[in-house]
Amino acid sequence: MVIILPTLPLLVNPIQNFLIMIGNNSENLQVCSICGVSIAEDGQVNFSDGKPGTRARLYARVCQYTEKPECINRETELIGELTAQDRYETGEDLTIPTLSTSQATN
């Protein structure tokens, strides 16, 4: 048996191709050409890794740092209010060891 799939445009992220092929045929499914996430009609954001999230989480972690107009998550009324859980946790500062000149010559 041979299965012929429709030709899809080559997308940057293979997950985008997968989401399209598995039949999420909602006309309102948006796929961002910048970061590769998909946003379902109900606002659920499907990241390339990890559990689904919200537009607020996507904005806090990705969209606020891009200046590209193609970003699909720019509408503040759809993003909603950002919470502390939307942002990445801050970690401790790392101490980077330095070599003294006497160590470097040995």
PDB file of N, CA and C in Angstrom:
ATOM      1  N   MET A   1       0.849  -1.170   0.000  1.00  0.00           N
ATOM      2  CA  MET A   1       0.000   0.000   0.000  1.00  0.00           C
ATOM      3  C   MET A   1       0.899   1.240   0.000  1.00  0.00           C
ATOM      4  N   VAL A   2       0.594   2.189  -0.845  1.00  0.00           N
ATOM      5  CA  VAL A   2       1.354   3.417  -0.937  1.00  0.00           C
ATOM      6  C   VAL A   2       0.470   4.562  -0.478  1.00  0.00           C
ATOM      7  N   ILE A   3       1.004   5.365   0.434  1.00  0.00           N
ATOM      8  CA  ILE A   3       0.275   6.539   0.914  1.00  0.00           C
ATOM      9  C   ILE A   3       0.931   7.763   0.312  1.00  0.00           C
ATOM     10  N   ILE A   4       0.147   8.563  -0.348  1.00  0.00           N
ATOM     11  CA  ILE A   4       0.668   9.786  -0.955  1.00  0.00           C
ATOM     12  C   ILE A   4       0.204  10.958  -0.101  1.00  0.00           C
ATOM     13  N   LEU A   5       1.160  11.658   0.455  1.00  0.00           N
ATOM     14  CA  LEU A   5       0.848  12.825   1.268  1.00  0.00           C
ATOM     15  C   LEU A   5       0.889  14.069   0.406  1.00  0.00           C
ATOM     16  N   PRO A   6       0.057  15.038   0.726  1.00  0.00           N
ATOM     17  CA  PRO A   6       0.118  16.286  -0.039  1.00  0.00           C
ATOM     18  C   PRO A   6       1.465  16.961   0.179  1.00  0.00           C
ATOM     19  N   THR A   7       1.909  17.657  -0.823  1.00  0.00           N
ATOM     20  CA  THR A   7       3.175  18.371  -0.726  1.00  0.00           C
ATOM     21  C   THR A   7       2.996  19.553   0.201  1.00  0.00           C
ATOM     22  N   LEU A   8       3.875  19.631   1.195  1.00  0.00           N
ATOM     23  CA  LEU A   8       3.837  20.735   2.145  1.00  0.00           C
ATOM     24  C   LEU A   8       4.996  21.669   1.856  1.00  0.00           C
ATOM     25  N   PRO A   9       4.799  22.960   2.102  1.00  0.00           N
ATOM     26  CA  PRO A   9       5.941  23.854   1.951  1.00  0.00           C
ATOM     27  C   PRO A   9       6.989  23.480   2.991  1.00  0.00           C
ATOM     28  N   LEU A  10       8.242  23.620   2.644  1.00  0.00           N
ATOM     29  CA  LEU A  10       9.319  23.307   3.571  1.00  0.00           C
ATOM     30  C   LEU A  10       9.327  24.358   4.667  1.00  0.00           C
ATOM     31  N   LEU A  11       9.084  23.906   5.883  1.00  0.00           N
ATOM     32  CA  LEU A  11       9.078  24.822   7.014  1.00  0.00           C
ATOM     33  C   LEU A  11      10.372  24.654   7.792  1.00  0.00           C
ATOM     34  N   VAL A  12      10.739  25.690   8.507  1.00  0.00           N
ATOM     35  CA  VAL A  12      11.983  25.695   9.252  1.00  0.00           C
ATOM     36  C   VAL A  12      11.983  24.607  10.317  1.00  0.00           C
ATOM     37  N   ASN A  13      10.883  24.405  10.978  1.00  0.00           N
ATOM     38  CA  ASN A  13      10.801  23.491  12.105  1.00  0.00           C
ATOM     39  C   ASN A  13      10.028  22.242  11.706  1.00  0.00           C
ATOM     40  N   PRO A  14      10.614  21.043  11.826  1.00  0.00           N
ATOM     41  CA  PRO A  14       9.893  19.825  11.447  1.00  0.00           C
ATOM     42  C   PRO A  14       8.635  19.607  12.273  1.00  0.00           C
ATOM     43  N   ILE A  15       8.574  20.191  13.469  1.00  0.00           N
ATOM     44  CA  ILE A  15       7.376  20.061  14.287  1.00  0.00           C
ATOM     45  C   ILE A  15       6.208  20.775  13.614  1.00  0.00           C
ATOM     46  N   GLN A  16       6.485  21.865  12.935  1.00  0.00           N
ATOM     47  CA  GLN A  16       5.429  22.559  12.199  1.00  0.00           C
ATOM     48  C   GLN A  16       4.836  21.618  11.159  1.00  0.00           C
ATOM     49  N   ASN A  17       5.712  20.940  10.414  1.00  0.00           N
ATOM     50  CA  ASN A  17       5.226  19.990   9.414  1.00  0.00           C
ATOM     51  C   ASN A  17       4.388  18.908  10.060  1.00  0.00           C
ATOM     52  N   PHE A  18       4.843  18.385  11.195  1.00  0.00           N
ATOM     53  CA  PHE A  18       4.119  17.330  11.895  1.00  0.00           C
ATOM     54  C   PHE A  18       2.744  17.809  12.315  1.00  0.00           C
ATOM     55  N   LEU A  19       2.671  19.002  12.897  1.00  0.00           N
ATOM     56  CA  LEU A  19       1.376  19.521  13.362  1.00  0.00           C
ATOM     57  C   LEU A  19       0.397  19.678  12.200  1.00  0.00           C
ATOM     58  N   ILE A  20       0.903  20.081  11.061  1.00  0.00           N
ATOM     59  CA  ILE A  20       0.031  20.228   9.900  1.00  0.00           C
ATOM     60  C   ILE A  20      -0.411  18.860   9.399  1.00  0.00           C
ATOM     61  N   MET A  21       0.524  17.904   9.355  1.00  0.00           N
ATOM     62  CA  MET A  21       0.220  16.591   8.802  1.00  0.00           C
ATOM     63  C   MET A  21      -0.717  15.763   9.681  1.00  0.00           C
ATOM     64  N   ILE A  22      -0.674  15.940  11.014  1.00  0.00           N
ATOM     65  CA  ILE A  22      -1.507  15.113  11.870  1.00  0.00           C
ATOM     66  C   ILE A  22      -2.967  15.524  11.824  1.00  0.00           C
ATOM     67  N   GLY A  23      -3.231  16.570  11.123  1.00  0.00           N
ATOM     68  CA  GLY A  23      -4.623  16.887  10.881  1.00  0.00           C
ATOM     69  C   GLY A  23      -5.222  17.920  11.804  1.00  0.00           C
ATOM     70  N   ASN A  24      -4.420  18.742  12.429  1.00  0.00           N
ATOM     71  CA  ASN A  24      -5.011  19.841  13.169  1.00  0.00           C
ATOM     72  C   ASN A  24      -5.448  20.841  12.115  1.00  0.00           C
ATOM     73  N   ASN A  25      -6.595  20.546  11.534  1.00  0.00           N
ATOM     74  CA  ASN A  25      -7.067  21.274  10.371  1.00  0.00           C
ATOM     75  C   ASN A  25      -7.824  22.544  10.707  1.00  0.00           C
ATOM     76  N   SER A  26      -7.725  22.977  11.940  1.00  0.00           N
ATOM     77  CA  SER A  26      -8.399  24.207  12.311  1.00  0.00           C
ATOM     78  C   SER A  26      -7.870  25.339  11.443  1.00  0.00           C
ATOM     79  N   GLU A  27      -8.776  26.057  10.850  1.00  0.00           N
ATOM     80  CA  GLU A  27      -8.352  27.175  10.005  1.00  0.00           C
ATOM     81  C   GLU A  27      -7.680  28.253  10.838  1.00  0.00           C
ATOM     82  N   ASN A  28      -7.910  28.224  12.143  1.00  0.00           N
ATOM     83  CA  ASN A  28      -7.355  29.251  13.010  1.00  0.00           C
ATOM     84  C   ASN A  28      -6.051  28.844  13.678  1.00  0.00           C
ATOM     85  N   LEU A  29      -5.483  27.696  13.325  1.00  0.00           N
ATOM     86  CA  LEU A  29      -4.184  27.304  13.860  1.00  0.00           C
ATOM     87  C   LEU A  29      -3.132  28.210  13.241  1.00  0.00           C
ATOM     88  N   GLN A  30      -2.367  28.861  14.090  1.00  0.00           N
ATOM     89  CA  GLN A  30      -1.305  29.743  13.619  1.00  0.00           C
ATOM     90  C   GLN A  30       0.038  29.099  13.920  1.00  0.00           C
ATOM     91  N   VAL A  31       0.954  29.148  12.991  1.00  0.00           N
ATOM     92  CA  VAL A  31       2.312  28.658  13.196  1.00  0.00           C
ATOM     93  C   VAL A  31       3.253  29.826  12.945  1.00  0.00           C
ATOM     94  N   CYS A  32       4.082  30.110  13.944  1.00  0.00           N
ATOM     95  CA  CYS A  32       4.989  31.247  13.846  1.00  0.00           C
ATOM     96  C   CYS A  32       6.209  30.894  13.012  1.00  0.00           C
ATOM     97  N   SER A  33       6.481  31.710  12.007  1.00  0.00           N
ATOM     98  CA  SER A  33       7.652  31.470  11.160  1.00  0.00           C
ATOM     99  C   SER A  33       8.945  31.898  11.848  1.00  0.00           C
ATOM    100  N   ILE A  34       8.841  32.610  12.960  1.00  0.00           N
ATOM    101  CA  ILE A  34      10.019  33.069  13.689  1.00  0.00           C
ATOM    102  C   ILE A  34      10.512  31.995  14.663  1.00  0.00           C
ATOM    103  N   CYS A  35       9.619  31.507  15.533  1.00  0.00           N
ATOM    104  CA  CYS A  35      10.067  30.577  16.577  1.00  0.00           C
ATOM    105  C   CYS A  35       9.523  29.158  16.422  1.00  0.00           C
ATOM    106  N   GLY A  36       8.552  28.946  15.534  1.00  0.00           N
ATOM    107  CA  GLY A  36       8.072  27.604  15.259  1.00  0.00           C
ATOM    108  C   GLY A  36       6.949  27.096  16.143  1.00  0.00           C
ATOM    109  N   VAL A  37       6.472  27.876  17.102  1.00  0.00           N
ATOM    110  CA  VAL A  37       5.369  27.403  17.933  1.00  0.00           C
ATOM    111  C   VAL A  37       4.074  27.463  17.144  1.00  0.00           C
ATOM    112  N   SER A  38       3.092  26.692  17.609  1.00  0.00           N
ATOM    113  CA  SER A  38       1.767  26.807  17.022  1.00  0.00           C
ATOM    114  C   SER A  38       0.811  27.276  18.107  1.00  0.00           C
ATOM    115  N   ILE A  39      -0.157  28.070  17.703  1.00  0.00           N
ATOM    116  CA  ILE A  39      -1.167  28.570  18.622  1.00  0.00           C
ATOM    117  C   ILE A  39      -2.517  28.112  18.095  1.00  0.00           C
ATOM    118  N   ALA A  40      -3.222  27.332  18.928  1.00  0.00           N
ATOM    119  CA  ALA A  40      -4.515  26.794  18.549  1.00  0.00           C
ATOM    120  C   ALA A  40      -5.595  27.865  18.688  1.00  0.00           C
ATOM    121  N   GLU A  41      -6.750  27.564  18.147  1.00  0.00           N
ATOM    122  CA  GLU A  41      -7.871  28.490  18.162  1.00  0.00           C
ATOM    123  C   GLU A  41      -8.241  28.911  19.580  1.00  0.00           C
ATOM    124  N   ASP A  42      -8.098  27.991  20.547  1.00  0.00           N
ATOM    125  CA  ASP A  42      -8.441  28.307  21.934  1.00  0.00           C
ATOM    126  C   ASP A  42      -7.333  29.047  22.672  1.00  0.00           C
ATOM    127  N   GLY A  43      -6.223  29.364  21.981  1.00  0.00           N
ATOM    128  CA  GLY A  43      -5.125  30.106  22.583  1.00  0.00           C
ATOM    129  C   GLY A  43      -4.029  29.230  23.165  1.00  0.00           C
ATOM    130  N   GLN A  44      -4.188  27.923  23.118  1.00  0.00           N
ATOM    131  CA  GLN A  44      -3.148  27.027  23.626  1.00  0.00           C
ATOM    132  C   GLN A  44      -1.914  27.117  22.750  1.00  0.00           C
ATOM    133  N   VAL A  45      -0.773  27.330  23.373  1.00  0.00           N
ATOM    134  CA  VAL A  45       0.501  27.436  22.666  1.00  0.00           C
ATOM    135  C   VAL A  45       1.213  26.101  22.772  1.00  0.00           C
ATOM    136  N   ASN A  46       1.578  25.531  21.630  1.00  0.00           N
ATOM    137  CA  ASN A  46       2.292  24.259  21.579  1.00  0.00           C
ATOM    138  C   ASN A  46       3.753  24.537  21.270  1.00  0.00           C
ATOM    139  N   PHE A  47       4.574  24.386  22.298  1.00  0.00           N
ATOM    140  CA  PHE A  47       6.007  24.602  22.153  1.00  0.00           C
ATOM    141  C   PHE A  47       6.641  23.384  21.500  1.00  0.00           C
ATOM    142  N   SER A  48       7.860  23.531  20.999  1.00  0.00           N
ATOM    143  CA  SER A  48       8.532  22.401  20.367  1.00  0.00           C
ATOM    144  C   SER A  48       8.958  21.358  21.393  1.00  0.00           C
ATOM    145  N   ASP A  49       9.041  21.750  22.656  1.00  0.00           N
ATOM    146  CA  ASP A  49       9.420  20.817  23.707  1.00  0.00           C
ATOM    147  C   ASP A  49       8.666  21.202  24.977  1.00  0.00           C
ATOM    148  N   GLY A  50       8.214  20.220  25.700  1.00  0.00           N
ATOM    149  CA  GLY A  50       7.534  20.492  26.961  1.00  0.00           C
ATOM    150  C   GLY A  50       6.024  20.570  26.794  1.00  0.00           C
ATOM    151  N   LYS A  51       5.375  20.874  27.898  1.00  0.00           N
ATOM    152  CA  LYS A  51       3.916  20.908  27.894  1.00  0.00           C
ATOM    153  C   LYS A  51       3.396  22.200  27.256  1.00  0.00           C
ATOM    154  N   PRO A  52       2.155  22.164  26.786  1.00  0.00           N
ATOM    155  CA  PRO A  52       1.562  23.368  26.188  1.00  0.00           C
ATOM    156  C   PRO A  52       1.501  24.506  27.202  1.00  0.00           C
ATOM    157  N   GLY A  53       1.454  25.708  26.690  1.00  0.00           N
ATOM    158  CA  GLY A  53       1.411  26.883  27.557  1.00  0.00           C
ATOM    159  C   GLY A  53       0.443  27.919  27.044  1.00  0.00           C
ATOM    160  N   THR A  54       0.670  29.142  27.447  1.00  0.00           N
ATOM    161  CA  THR A  54      -0.218  30.256  27.109  1.00  0.00           C
ATOM    162  C   THR A  54       0.530  31.290  26.275  1.00  0.00           C
ATOM    163  N   ARG A  55      -0.238  32.202  25.702  1.00  0.00           N
ATOM    164  CA  ARG A  55       0.376  33.307  24.959  1.00  0.00           C
ATOM    165  C   ARG A  55       1.245  34.162  25.877  1.00  0.00           C
ATOM    166  N   ALA A  56       0.837  34.314  27.133  1.00  0.00           N
ATOM    167  CA  ALA A  56       1.620  35.110  28.088  1.00  0.00           C
ATOM    168  C   ALA A  56       2.989  34.470  28.317  1.00  0.00           C
ATOM    169  N   ARG A  57       3.021  33.148  28.493  1.00  0.00           N
ATOM    170  CA  ARG A  57       4.298  32.455  28.689  1.00  0.00           C
ATOM    171  C   ARG A  57       5.178  32.592  27.444  1.00  0.00           C
ATOM    172  N   LEU A  58       4.581  32.427  26.266  1.00  0.00           N
ATOM    173  CA  LEU A  58       5.331  32.573  25.022  1.00  0.00           C
ATOM    174  C   LEU A  58       5.916  33.975  24.914  1.00  0.00           C
ATOM    175  N   TYR A  59       5.117  34.980  25.233  1.00  0.00           N
ATOM    176  CA  TYR A  59       5.592  36.356  25.150  1.00  0.00           C
ATOM    177  C   TYR A  59       6.728  36.605  26.137  1.00  0.00           C
ATOM    178  N   ALA A  60       6.549  36.135  27.386  1.00  0.00           N
ATOM    179  CA  ALA A  60       7.551  36.377  28.425  1.00  0.00           C
ATOM    180  C   ALA A  60       8.880  35.716  28.112  1.00  0.00           C
ATOM    181  N   ARG A  61       8.837  34.566  27.434  1.00  0.00           N
ATOM    182  CA  ARG A  61      10.063  33.799  27.202  1.00  0.00           C
ATOM    183  C   ARG A  61      10.684  34.000  25.823  1.00  0.00           C
ATOM    184  N   VAL A  62       9.877  34.458  24.851  1.00  0.00           N
ATOM    185  CA  VAL A  62      10.395  34.534  23.480  1.00  0.00           C
ATOM    186  C   VAL A  62      10.064  35.865  22.807  1.00  0.00           C
ATOM    187  N   CYS A  63       8.787  36.144  22.656  1.00  0.00           N
ATOM    188  CA  CYS A  63       8.340  37.224  21.764  1.00  0.00           C
ATOM    189  C   CYS A  63       8.830  38.611  22.158  1.00  0.00           C
ATOM    190  N   GLN A  64       8.946  38.869  23.443  1.00  0.00           N
ATOM    191  CA  GLN A  64       9.380  40.207  23.840  1.00  0.00           C
ATOM    192  C   GLN A  64      10.805  40.518  23.393  1.00  0.00           C
ATOM    193  N   TYR A  65      11.561  39.495  23.042  1.00  0.00           N
ATOM    194  CA  TYR A  65      12.953  39.688  22.647  1.00  0.00           C
ATOM    195  C   TYR A  65      13.148  39.807  21.142  1.00  0.00           C
ATOM    196  N   THR A  66      12.112  39.590  20.369  1.00  0.00           N
ATOM    197  CA  THR A  66      12.256  39.704  18.921  1.00  0.00           C
ATOM    198  C   THR A  66      11.641  41.017  18.450  1.00  0.00           C
ATOM    199  N   GLU A  67      12.237  41.574  17.441  1.00  0.00           N
ATOM    200  CA  GLU A  67      11.708  42.796  16.842  1.00  0.00           C
ATOM    201  C   GLU A  67      11.164  42.532  15.448  1.00  0.00           C
ATOM    202  N   LYS A  68      11.014  41.252  15.113  1.00  0.00           N
ATOM    203  CA  LYS A  68      10.563  40.891  13.776  1.00  0.00           C
ATOM    204  C   LYS A  68       9.045  41.023  13.686  1.00  0.00           C
ATOM    205  N   PRO A  69       8.558  41.725  12.673  1.00  0.00           N
ATOM    206  CA  PRO A  69       7.119  41.952  12.546  1.00  0.00           C
ATOM    207  C   PRO A  69       6.320  40.682  12.237  1.00  0.00           C
ATOM    208  N   GLU A  70       6.995  39.606  11.837  1.00  0.00           N
ATOM    209  CA  GLU A  70       6.297  38.362  11.518  1.00  0.00           C
ATOM    210  C   GLU A  70       5.838  37.603  12.760  1.00  0.00           C
ATOM    211  N   CYS A  71       6.277  38.030  13.942  1.00  0.00           N
ATOM    212  CA  CYS A  71       5.889  37.373  15.192  1.00  0.00           C
ATOM    213  C   CYS A  71       4.363  37.385  15.306  1.00  0.00           C
ATOM    214  N   ILE A  72       3.773  36.220  15.608  1.00  0.00           N
ATOM    215  CA  ILE A  72       2.310  36.110  15.641  1.00  0.00           C
ATOM    216  C   ILE A  72       1.726  36.340  17.033  1.00  0.00           C
ATOM    217  N   ASN A  73       2.552  36.713  17.987  1.00  0.00           N
ATOM    218  CA  ASN A  73       2.073  36.882  19.361  1.00  0.00           C
ATOM    219  C   ASN A  73       2.382  38.293  19.852  1.00  0.00           C
ATOM    220  N   ARG A  74       1.784  39.282  19.209  1.00  0.00           N
ATOM    221  CA  ARG A  74       2.044  40.682  19.536  1.00  0.00           C
ATOM    222  C   ARG A  74       0.815  41.419  20.074  1.00  0.00           C
ATOM    223  N   GLU A  75      -0.341  40.796  20.038  1.00  0.00           N
ATOM    224  CA  GLU A  75      -1.572  41.489  20.439  1.00  0.00           C
ATOM    225  C   GLU A  75      -1.746  41.406  21.952  1.00  0.00           C
ATOM    226  N   THR A  76      -1.572  42.548  22.625  1.00  0.00           N
ATOM    227  CA  THR A  76      -1.587  42.564  24.088  1.00  0.00           C
ATOM    228  C   THR A  76      -2.898  42.061  24.675  1.00  0.00           C
ATOM    229  N   GLU A  77      -4.010  42.296  23.994  1.00  0.00           N
ATOM    230  CA  GLU A  77      -5.296  41.825  24.532  1.00  0.00           C
ATOM    231  C   GLU A  77      -5.406  40.303  24.484  1.00  0.00           C
ATOM    232  N   LEU A  78      -4.689  39.651  23.577  1.00  0.00           N
ATOM    233  CA  LEU A  78      -4.679  38.188  23.518  1.00  0.00           C
ATOM    234  C   LEU A  78      -3.626  37.590  24.455  1.00  0.00           C
ATOM    235  N   ILE A  79      -2.544  38.320  24.678  1.00  0.00           N
ATOM    236  CA  ILE A  79      -1.470  37.844  25.552  1.00  0.00           C
ATOM    237  C   ILE A  79      -1.932  37.817  27.002  1.00  0.00           C
ATOM    238  N   GLY A  80      -2.612  38.865  27.414  1.00  0.00           N
ATOM    239  CA  GLY A  80      -3.068  38.945  28.799  1.00  0.00           C
ATOM    240  C   GLY A  80      -1.958  39.400  29.727  1.00  0.00           C
ATOM    241  N   GLU A  81      -2.193  39.226  31.013  1.00  0.00           N
ATOM    242  CA  GLU A  81      -1.242  39.667  32.019  1.00  0.00           C
ATOM    243  C   GLU A  81      -0.163  38.621  32.254  1.00  0.00           C
ATOM    244  N   LEU A  82       1.078  39.089  32.337  1.00  0.00           N
ATOM    245  CA  LEU A  82       2.196  38.189  32.603  1.00  0.00           C
ATOM    246  C   LEU A  82       2.307  37.941  34.105  1.00  0.00           C
ATOM    247  N   THR A  83       2.589  36.695  34.456  1.00  0.00           N
ATOM    248  CA  THR A  83       2.783  36.340  35.861  1.00  0.00           C
ATOM    249  C   THR A  83       4.227  35.901  36.067  1.00  0.00           C
ATOM    250  N   ALA A  84       4.612  35.744  37.317  1.00  0.00           N
ATOM    251  CA  ALA A  84       5.972  35.285  37.627  1.00  0.00           C
ATOM    252  C   ALA A  84       6.219  33.896  37.054  1.00  0.00           C
ATOM    253  N   GLN A  85       5.190  33.062  36.987  1.00  0.00           N
ATOM    254  CA  GLN A  85       5.343  31.708  36.460  1.00  0.00           C
ATOM    255  C   GLN A  85       5.573  31.701  34.951  1.00  0.00           C
ATOM    256  N   ASP A  86       5.206  32.760  34.266  1.00  0.00           N
ATOM    257  CA  ASP A  86       5.403  32.830  32.818  1.00  0.00           C
ATOM    258  C   ASP A  86       6.872  33.016  32.454  1.00  0.00           C
ATOM    259  N   ARG A  87       7.588  33.694  33.305  1.00  0.00           N
ATOM    260  CA  ARG A  87       8.997  33.980  33.026  1.00  0.00           C
ATOM    261  C   ARG A  87       9.868  32.799  33.447  1.00  0.00           C
ATOM    262  N   TYR A  88      11.081  32.765  32.905  1.00  0.00           N
ATOM    263  CA  TYR A  88      12.060  31.777  33.354  1.00  0.00           C
ATOM    264  C   TYR A  88      12.487  32.138  34.776  1.00  0.00           C
ATOM    265  N   GLU A  89      12.798  31.133  35.557  1.00  0.00           N
ATOM    266  CA  GLU A  89      13.338  31.380  36.887  1.00  0.00           C
ATOM    267  C   GLU A  89      14.749  31.925  36.742  1.00  0.00           C
ATOM    268  N   THR A  90      15.110  32.799  37.651  1.00  0.00           N
ATOM    269  CA  THR A  90      16.477  33.302  37.623  1.00  0.00           C
ATOM    270  C   THR A  90      17.340  32.362  38.446  1.00  0.00           C
ATOM    271  N   GLY A  91      18.510  32.128  37.982  1.00  0.00           N
ATOM    272  CA  GLY A  91      19.430  31.234  38.675  1.00  0.00           C
ATOM    273  C   GLY A  91      20.497  32.020  39.411  1.00  0.00           C
ATOM    274  N   GLU A  92      21.379  31.288  40.038  1.00  0.00           N
ATOM    275  CA  GLU A  92      22.483  31.921  40.735  1.00  0.00           C
ATOM    276  C   GLU A  92      23.554  32.334  39.724  1.00  0.00           C
ATOM    277  N   ASP A  93      24.276  33.388  40.046  1.00  0.00           N
ATOM    278  CA  ASP A  93      25.389  33.793  39.206  1.00  0.00           C
ATOM    279  C   ASP A  93      26.486  32.743  39.300  1.00  0.00           C
ATOM    280  N   LEU A  94      27.114  32.467  38.194  1.00  0.00           N
ATOM    281  CA  LEU A  94      28.215  31.513  38.164  1.00  0.00           C
ATOM    282  C   LEU A  94      29.534  32.239  38.384  1.00  0.00           C
ATOM    283  N   THR A  95      30.390  31.624  39.168  1.00  0.00           N
ATOM    284  CA  THR A  95      31.727  32.167  39.355  1.00  0.00           C
ATOM    285  C   THR A  95      32.641  31.466  38.362  1.00  0.00           C
ATOM    286  N   ILE A  96      33.269  32.239  37.527  1.00  0.00           N
ATOM    287  CA  ILE A  96      34.166  31.685  36.512  1.00  0.00           C
ATOM    288  C   ILE A  96      35.585  31.775  37.045  1.00  0.00           C
ATOM    289  N   PRO A  97      36.250  30.626  37.189  1.00  0.00           N
ATOM    290  CA  PRO A  97      37.630  30.671  37.717  1.00  0.00           C
ATOM    291  C   PRO A  97      38.561  31.358  36.723  1.00  0.00           C
ATOM    292  N   THR A  98      39.516  32.035  37.253  1.00  0.00           N
ATOM    293  CA  THR A  98      40.505  32.707  36.414  1.00  0.00           C
ATOM    294  C   THR A  98      41.875  32.089  36.685  1.00  0.00           C
ATOM    295  N   LEU A  99      42.709  32.108  35.705  1.00  0.00           N
ATOM    296  CA  LEU A  99      44.077  31.619  35.844  1.00  0.00           C
ATOM    297  C   LEU A  99      45.004  32.779  36.145  1.00  0.00           C
ATOM    298  N   SER A 100      45.835  32.591  37.134  1.00  0.00           N
ATOM    299  CA  SER A 100      46.848  33.616  37.374  1.00  0.00           C
ATOM    300  C   SER A 100      47.964  33.436  36.350  1.00  0.00           C
ATOM    301  N   THR A 101      48.795  34.422  36.192  1.00  0.00           N
ATOM    302  CA  THR A 101      49.862  34.320  35.196  1.00  0.00           C
ATOM    303  C   THR A 101      50.850  33.227  35.548  1.00  0.00           C
ATOM    304  N   SER A 102      51.055  32.942  36.822  1.00  0.00           N
ATOM    305  CA  SER A 102      51.992  31.876  37.201  1.00  0.00           C
ATOM    306  C   SER A 102      51.407  30.504  36.864  1.00  0.00           C
ATOM    307  N   GLN A 103      50.084  30.333  36.950  1.00  0.00           N
ATOM    308  CA  GLN A 103      49.454  29.069  36.589  1.00  0.00           C
ATOM    309  C   GLN A 103      49.486  28.853  35.076  1.00  0.00           C
ATOM    310  N   ALA A 104      49.345  29.911  34.322  1.00  0.00           N
ATOM    311  CA  ALA A 104      49.280  29.811  32.870  1.00  0.00           C
ATOM    312  C   ALA A 104      50.633  29.424  32.259  1.00  0.00           C
ATOM    313  N   THR A 105      51.736  29.774  32.906  1.00  0.00           N
ATOM    314  CA  THR A 105      53.049  29.487  32.344  1.00  0.00           C
ATOM    315  C   THR A 105      53.567  28.113  32.744  1.00  0.00           C
ATOM    316  N   ASN A 106      52.949  27.449  33.699  1.00  0.00           N
ATOM    317  CA  ASN A 106      53.423  26.115  34.146  1.00  0.00           C
ATOM    318  C   ASN A 106      52.973  25.030  33.269  1.00  0.00           C
TER     319      ASN A 106
END
